[in-house]
N, C-alpha and C. Protein backbone atom coordinates (compact mmCIF):
# COMPACT_ATOMS: atom_id res chain seq x y z
N GLN A 1 -193.49 -79.92 17.82
CA GLN A 1 -194.64 -80.04 18.69
C GLN A 1 -194.52 -81.32 19.51
N VAL A 2 -194.81 -81.19 20.80
CA VAL A 2 -194.70 -82.33 21.71
C VAL A 2 -196.02 -83.08 21.77
N GLN A 3 -195.93 -84.40 21.72
CA GLN A 3 -197.12 -85.24 21.85
C GLN A 3 -196.85 -86.34 22.86
N LEU A 4 -197.84 -86.59 23.71
CA LEU A 4 -197.75 -87.65 24.71
C LEU A 4 -198.87 -88.65 24.43
N VAL A 5 -198.51 -89.92 24.34
CA VAL A 5 -199.49 -90.96 24.06
C VAL A 5 -199.44 -91.98 25.18
N GLU A 6 -200.58 -92.16 25.85
CA GLU A 6 -200.67 -93.07 26.99
C GLU A 6 -201.33 -94.37 26.58
N SER A 7 -201.02 -95.41 27.34
CA SER A 7 -201.68 -96.69 27.15
C SER A 7 -201.63 -97.47 28.45
N GLY A 8 -202.47 -98.49 28.56
CA GLY A 8 -202.38 -99.40 29.68
C GLY A 8 -203.49 -99.30 30.71
N GLY A 9 -204.40 -98.39 30.56
CA GLY A 9 -205.49 -98.31 31.52
C GLY A 9 -206.46 -99.47 31.35
N GLY A 10 -207.45 -99.54 32.24
CA GLY A 10 -208.44 -100.59 32.13
C GLY A 10 -209.17 -100.83 33.43
N LEU A 11 -209.85 -101.97 33.48
CA LEU A 11 -210.63 -102.36 34.65
C LEU A 11 -209.92 -103.50 35.36
N VAL A 12 -209.80 -103.38 36.68
CA VAL A 12 -209.12 -104.40 37.46
C VAL A 12 -209.80 -104.52 38.81
N GLN A 13 -209.73 -105.69 39.41
CA GLN A 13 -210.29 -105.87 40.74
C GLN A 13 -209.34 -105.32 41.79
N ALA A 14 -209.89 -104.97 42.91
CA ALA A 14 -209.06 -104.50 44.03
C ALA A 14 -208.00 -105.54 44.37
N GLY A 15 -206.80 -105.03 44.60
CA GLY A 15 -205.67 -105.91 44.86
C GLY A 15 -204.88 -106.28 43.63
N GLY A 16 -205.42 -105.96 42.47
CA GLY A 16 -204.75 -106.28 41.22
C GLY A 16 -203.71 -105.25 40.82
N SER A 17 -203.18 -105.44 39.62
CA SER A 17 -202.11 -104.59 39.12
C SER A 17 -202.41 -104.12 37.70
N LEU A 18 -201.89 -102.96 37.38
CA LEU A 18 -201.91 -102.42 36.03
C LEU A 18 -200.60 -101.69 35.79
N ARG A 19 -200.23 -101.57 34.52
CA ARG A 19 -199.05 -100.78 34.18
C ARG A 19 -199.43 -99.78 33.10
N LEU A 20 -199.17 -98.54 33.39
CA LEU A 20 -199.41 -97.46 32.43
C LEU A 20 -198.11 -97.09 31.73
N SER A 21 -198.24 -96.77 30.46
CA SER A 21 -197.09 -96.36 29.67
C SER A 21 -197.39 -95.05 28.96
N CYS A 22 -196.37 -94.23 28.82
CA CYS A 22 -196.52 -92.96 28.12
C CYS A 22 -195.28 -92.72 27.27
N ALA A 23 -195.50 -92.45 26.00
CA ALA A 23 -194.41 -92.17 25.09
C ALA A 23 -194.49 -90.73 24.63
N ALA A 24 -193.39 -90.01 24.77
CA ALA A 24 -193.33 -88.62 24.33
C ALA A 24 -192.60 -88.53 23.00
N SER A 25 -193.10 -87.70 22.12
CA SER A 25 -192.45 -87.48 20.83
C SER A 25 -192.39 -85.99 20.54
N GLY A 26 -191.50 -85.64 19.60
CA GLY A 26 -191.32 -84.23 19.27
C GLY A 26 -189.97 -83.75 19.77
N SER A 27 -189.87 -82.46 19.99
CA SER A 27 -188.63 -81.86 20.47
C SER A 27 -188.57 -81.96 21.99
N ILE A 28 -187.88 -82.98 22.46
CA ILE A 28 -187.79 -83.25 23.90
C ILE A 28 -186.43 -82.80 24.40
N PHE A 29 -186.44 -81.93 25.40
CA PHE A 29 -185.19 -81.49 25.99
C PHE A 29 -184.56 -82.63 26.78
N ARG A 30 -183.24 -82.60 26.86
CA ARG A 30 -182.55 -83.65 27.60
C ARG A 30 -182.93 -83.64 29.07
N PHE A 31 -183.07 -82.44 29.63
CA PHE A 31 -183.39 -82.32 31.06
C PHE A 31 -184.88 -82.00 31.20
N ASN A 32 -185.59 -82.91 31.82
CA ASN A 32 -187.03 -82.73 31.97
C ASN A 32 -187.54 -83.59 33.12
N ALA A 33 -188.79 -83.45 33.40
CA ALA A 33 -189.46 -84.31 34.37
C ALA A 33 -190.70 -84.88 33.71
N MET A 34 -190.93 -86.14 33.94
CA MET A 34 -192.15 -86.78 33.45
C MET A 34 -192.90 -87.33 34.65
N GLY A 35 -194.19 -87.48 34.49
CA GLY A 35 -194.94 -87.98 35.62
C GLY A 35 -196.37 -88.34 35.28
N TRP A 36 -197.06 -88.74 36.30
CA TRP A 36 -198.47 -89.12 36.19
C TRP A 36 -199.29 -88.35 37.21
N TYR A 37 -200.43 -87.88 36.75
CA TYR A 37 -201.41 -87.23 37.59
C TYR A 37 -202.72 -87.97 37.37
N ARG A 38 -203.66 -87.78 38.28
CA ARG A 38 -204.95 -88.43 38.11
C ARG A 38 -206.07 -87.50 38.56
N GLN A 39 -207.24 -87.74 37.98
CA GLN A 39 -208.40 -86.94 38.33
C GLN A 39 -209.61 -87.86 38.44
N ALA A 40 -210.16 -87.91 39.63
CA ALA A 40 -211.38 -88.68 39.88
C ALA A 40 -212.59 -87.78 39.67
N PRO A 41 -213.75 -88.35 39.40
CA PRO A 41 -214.96 -87.54 39.18
C PRO A 41 -215.23 -86.61 40.36
N GLY A 42 -215.43 -85.34 40.06
CA GLY A 42 -215.74 -84.36 41.08
C GLY A 42 -214.56 -83.90 41.90
N LYS A 43 -213.37 -84.34 41.54
CA LYS A 43 -212.18 -83.96 42.30
C LYS A 43 -211.18 -83.25 41.40
N GLN A 44 -210.23 -82.56 42.05
CA GLN A 44 -209.19 -81.89 41.29
C GLN A 44 -208.12 -82.89 40.86
N ARG A 45 -207.43 -82.52 39.80
CA ARG A 45 -206.31 -83.34 39.34
C ARG A 45 -205.23 -83.32 40.41
N GLU A 46 -204.65 -84.48 40.69
CA GLU A 46 -203.63 -84.58 41.72
C GLU A 46 -202.41 -85.34 41.23
N LEU A 47 -201.28 -85.03 41.83
CA LEU A 47 -200.04 -85.70 41.48
C LEU A 47 -200.07 -87.13 41.97
N VAL A 48 -199.58 -88.04 41.14
CA VAL A 48 -199.40 -89.44 41.54
C VAL A 48 -197.92 -89.70 41.75
N ALA A 49 -197.12 -89.44 40.72
CA ALA A 49 -195.67 -89.68 40.82
C ALA A 49 -194.97 -88.93 39.71
N THR A 50 -193.74 -88.50 39.99
CA THR A 50 -192.92 -87.86 38.97
C THR A 50 -191.52 -88.44 39.01
N ILE A 51 -190.83 -88.29 37.89
CA ILE A 51 -189.44 -88.75 37.80
C ILE A 51 -188.69 -87.80 36.88
N THR A 52 -187.52 -87.38 37.30
CA THR A 52 -186.72 -86.47 36.49
C THR A 52 -185.85 -87.27 35.52
N SER A 53 -185.21 -86.55 34.61
CA SER A 53 -184.31 -87.22 33.68
C SER A 53 -183.12 -87.81 34.42
N GLY A 54 -182.84 -87.30 35.63
CA GLY A 54 -181.80 -87.88 36.48
C GLY A 54 -182.32 -89.00 37.35
N ARG A 55 -183.59 -89.34 37.17
CA ARG A 55 -184.27 -90.45 37.85
C ARG A 55 -184.55 -90.19 39.33
N SER A 56 -184.64 -88.94 39.72
CA SER A 56 -185.16 -88.62 41.04
C SER A 56 -186.67 -88.76 41.00
N THR A 57 -187.23 -89.40 42.03
CA THR A 57 -188.66 -89.68 42.03
C THR A 57 -189.38 -88.99 43.18
N ASN A 58 -190.67 -88.79 42.97
CA ASN A 58 -191.53 -88.22 44.00
C ASN A 58 -192.88 -88.90 43.89
N TYR A 59 -193.45 -89.29 45.03
CA TYR A 59 -194.72 -90.00 45.04
C TYR A 59 -195.72 -89.33 45.97
N ALA A 60 -196.98 -89.41 45.60
CA ALA A 60 -198.02 -89.02 46.53
C ALA A 60 -198.03 -90.01 47.69
N ASP A 61 -198.33 -89.54 48.88
CA ASP A 61 -198.35 -90.43 50.04
C ASP A 61 -199.31 -91.60 49.85
N SER A 62 -200.39 -91.35 49.15
CA SER A 62 -201.42 -92.36 48.99
C SER A 62 -200.99 -93.55 48.13
N VAL A 63 -199.90 -93.39 47.36
CA VAL A 63 -199.47 -94.49 46.48
C VAL A 63 -198.09 -95.03 46.85
N LYS A 64 -197.44 -94.43 47.82
CA LYS A 64 -196.11 -94.90 48.21
C LYS A 64 -196.17 -96.36 48.64
N GLY A 65 -195.21 -97.14 48.14
CA GLY A 65 -195.16 -98.55 48.48
C GLY A 65 -196.02 -99.42 47.58
N ARG A 66 -196.87 -98.80 46.77
CA ARG A 66 -197.73 -99.58 45.87
C ARG A 66 -197.43 -99.29 44.40
N PHE A 67 -197.09 -98.06 44.08
CA PHE A 67 -196.81 -97.65 42.70
C PHE A 67 -195.31 -97.41 42.52
N THR A 68 -194.83 -97.71 41.32
CA THR A 68 -193.43 -97.46 40.99
C THR A 68 -193.36 -96.77 39.63
N ILE A 69 -192.68 -95.64 39.60
CA ILE A 69 -192.49 -94.92 38.35
C ILE A 69 -191.08 -95.17 37.84
N SER A 70 -190.95 -95.30 36.52
CA SER A 70 -189.64 -95.50 35.91
C SER A 70 -189.67 -94.86 34.52
N ARG A 71 -188.50 -94.72 33.94
CA ARG A 71 -188.43 -94.09 32.62
C ARG A 71 -187.27 -94.64 31.81
N ASP A 72 -187.41 -94.49 30.49
CA ASP A 72 -186.35 -94.83 29.55
C ASP A 72 -186.02 -93.54 28.82
N ASN A 73 -184.91 -92.93 29.16
CA ASN A 73 -184.56 -91.64 28.56
C ASN A 73 -184.32 -91.73 27.07
N ALA A 74 -183.75 -92.84 26.62
CA ALA A 74 -183.47 -93.00 25.20
C ALA A 74 -184.75 -93.03 24.37
N LYS A 75 -185.82 -93.57 24.95
CA LYS A 75 -187.09 -93.70 24.24
C LYS A 75 -188.10 -92.64 24.66
N ASN A 76 -187.73 -91.79 25.61
CA ASN A 76 -188.66 -90.76 26.11
C ASN A 76 -189.98 -91.37 26.55
N THR A 77 -189.88 -92.45 27.30
CA THR A 77 -191.08 -93.10 27.82
C THR A 77 -191.05 -93.13 29.35
N VAL A 78 -192.22 -93.13 29.92
CA VAL A 78 -192.36 -93.24 31.37
C VAL A 78 -193.40 -94.31 31.66
N LEU A 79 -193.11 -95.13 32.66
CA LEU A 79 -194.00 -96.21 33.05
C LEU A 79 -194.48 -95.98 34.48
N LEU A 80 -195.68 -96.46 34.75
CA LEU A 80 -196.20 -96.44 36.11
C LEU A 80 -196.73 -97.83 36.41
N GLN A 81 -196.01 -98.55 37.25
CA GLN A 81 -196.45 -99.87 37.70
C GLN A 81 -197.30 -99.68 38.94
N MET A 82 -198.54 -100.12 38.86
CA MET A 82 -199.49 -99.94 39.96
C MET A 82 -199.88 -101.30 40.52
N ASN A 83 -199.52 -101.54 41.75
CA ASN A 83 -199.84 -102.80 42.44
C ASN A 83 -200.77 -102.52 43.61
N SER A 84 -201.39 -103.59 44.09
CA SER A 84 -202.30 -103.49 45.25
C SER A 84 -203.31 -102.36 45.05
N LEU A 85 -203.91 -102.35 43.89
CA LEU A 85 -204.83 -101.27 43.55
C LEU A 85 -206.06 -101.29 44.45
N LYS A 86 -206.56 -100.08 44.73
CA LYS A 86 -207.72 -99.90 45.60
C LYS A 86 -208.82 -99.18 44.81
N PRO A 87 -210.06 -99.34 45.21
CA PRO A 87 -211.14 -98.61 44.52
C PRO A 87 -210.90 -97.10 44.48
N GLU A 88 -210.27 -96.56 45.49
CA GLU A 88 -210.01 -95.12 45.49
C GLU A 88 -208.93 -94.69 44.50
N ASP A 89 -208.28 -95.65 43.86
CA ASP A 89 -207.34 -95.31 42.79
C ASP A 89 -208.06 -95.08 41.45
N THR A 90 -209.35 -95.33 41.42
CA THR A 90 -210.13 -95.13 40.21
C THR A 90 -210.09 -93.66 39.79
N ALA A 91 -209.68 -93.42 38.55
CA ALA A 91 -209.54 -92.06 38.04
C ALA A 91 -209.09 -92.12 36.58
N VAL A 92 -209.09 -90.97 35.96
CA VAL A 92 -208.40 -90.81 34.68
C VAL A 92 -206.97 -90.41 34.99
N TYR A 93 -206.05 -91.15 34.43
CA TYR A 93 -204.62 -90.91 34.68
C TYR A 93 -204.02 -90.18 33.48
N TYR A 94 -203.32 -89.10 33.78
CA TYR A 94 -202.73 -88.26 32.74
C TYR A 94 -201.21 -88.28 32.83
N CYS A 95 -200.59 -88.45 31.70
CA CYS A 95 -199.14 -88.34 31.61
C CYS A 95 -198.76 -86.86 31.47
N ASN A 96 -197.68 -86.49 32.10
CA ASN A 96 -197.21 -85.10 32.05
C ASN A 96 -195.72 -85.05 31.74
N LEU A 97 -195.37 -84.08 30.93
CA LEU A 97 -193.96 -83.78 30.64
C LEU A 97 -193.73 -82.31 30.96
N PHE A 98 -192.76 -82.05 31.81
CA PHE A 98 -192.43 -80.67 32.17
C PHE A 98 -191.00 -80.38 31.73
N MET A 99 -190.86 -79.39 30.86
CA MET A 99 -189.53 -79.03 30.36
C MET A 99 -189.55 -77.59 29.88
N GLY A 100 -188.42 -76.90 30.10
CA GLY A 100 -188.31 -75.53 29.63
C GLY A 100 -189.38 -74.61 30.17
N GLY A 101 -189.91 -74.90 31.35
CA GLY A 101 -190.95 -74.06 31.93
C GLY A 101 -192.34 -74.33 31.40
N ASN A 102 -192.46 -75.30 30.52
CA ASN A 102 -193.77 -75.63 29.95
C ASN A 102 -194.21 -77.01 30.38
N SER A 103 -195.53 -77.18 30.45
CA SER A 103 -196.12 -78.45 30.87
C SER A 103 -196.96 -79.00 29.73
N TYR A 104 -196.76 -80.25 29.41
CA TYR A 104 -197.49 -80.91 28.34
C TYR A 104 -198.26 -82.10 28.91
N TRP A 105 -199.44 -82.35 28.34
CA TRP A 105 -200.31 -83.40 28.87
C TRP A 105 -200.75 -84.38 27.81
N GLY A 106 -200.90 -85.63 28.25
CA GLY A 106 -201.51 -86.62 27.38
C GLY A 106 -203.03 -86.51 27.43
N GLN A 107 -203.69 -87.39 26.70
CA GLN A 107 -205.14 -87.32 26.60
C GLN A 107 -205.84 -87.99 27.77
N GLY A 108 -205.11 -88.78 28.53
CA GLY A 108 -205.67 -89.46 29.69
C GLY A 108 -206.08 -90.89 29.38
N THR A 109 -205.96 -91.73 30.39
CA THR A 109 -206.38 -93.12 30.27
C THR A 109 -207.14 -93.51 31.54
N GLN A 110 -208.25 -94.18 31.36
CA GLN A 110 -209.12 -94.51 32.48
C GLN A 110 -208.61 -95.74 33.23
N VAL A 111 -208.54 -95.62 34.54
CA VAL A 111 -208.24 -96.75 35.41
C VAL A 111 -209.44 -96.92 36.35
N THR A 112 -210.03 -98.11 36.33
CA THR A 112 -211.17 -98.40 37.19
C THR A 112 -210.86 -99.62 38.04
N VAL A 113 -210.98 -99.46 39.35
CA VAL A 113 -210.71 -100.54 40.28
C VAL A 113 -212.01 -100.92 40.96
N SER A 114 -212.44 -102.15 40.76
CA SER A 114 -213.70 -102.60 41.36
C SER A 114 -213.44 -103.26 42.70
N SER A 115 -214.41 -103.11 43.59
CA SER A 115 -214.25 -103.68 44.94
C SER A 115 -214.78 -105.11 45.01
């Protein structure tokens, strides 16, 4: 059984930084994609950034140049470094693992950016 555990959310002022971490455990395929999605109140969940096991990355336009996704394949962890945070980045951030045609989700971590 796959489990994703997130950490690193919190409250920060606009312009500040946070780093989110997600550790995957269980039967993890060598080839997979990990990423972060977010959901603000009253809005649909949206992609923030993804990274494949080959380290190809994809970012939402709204976070390009401010967020950086990285991973440690040996530890099955994915990090999201968030800089220059804006109030509109406020949301619950979810870690995602996609492998073998299946999608797995973490429990979510709250990120709140005050103006």
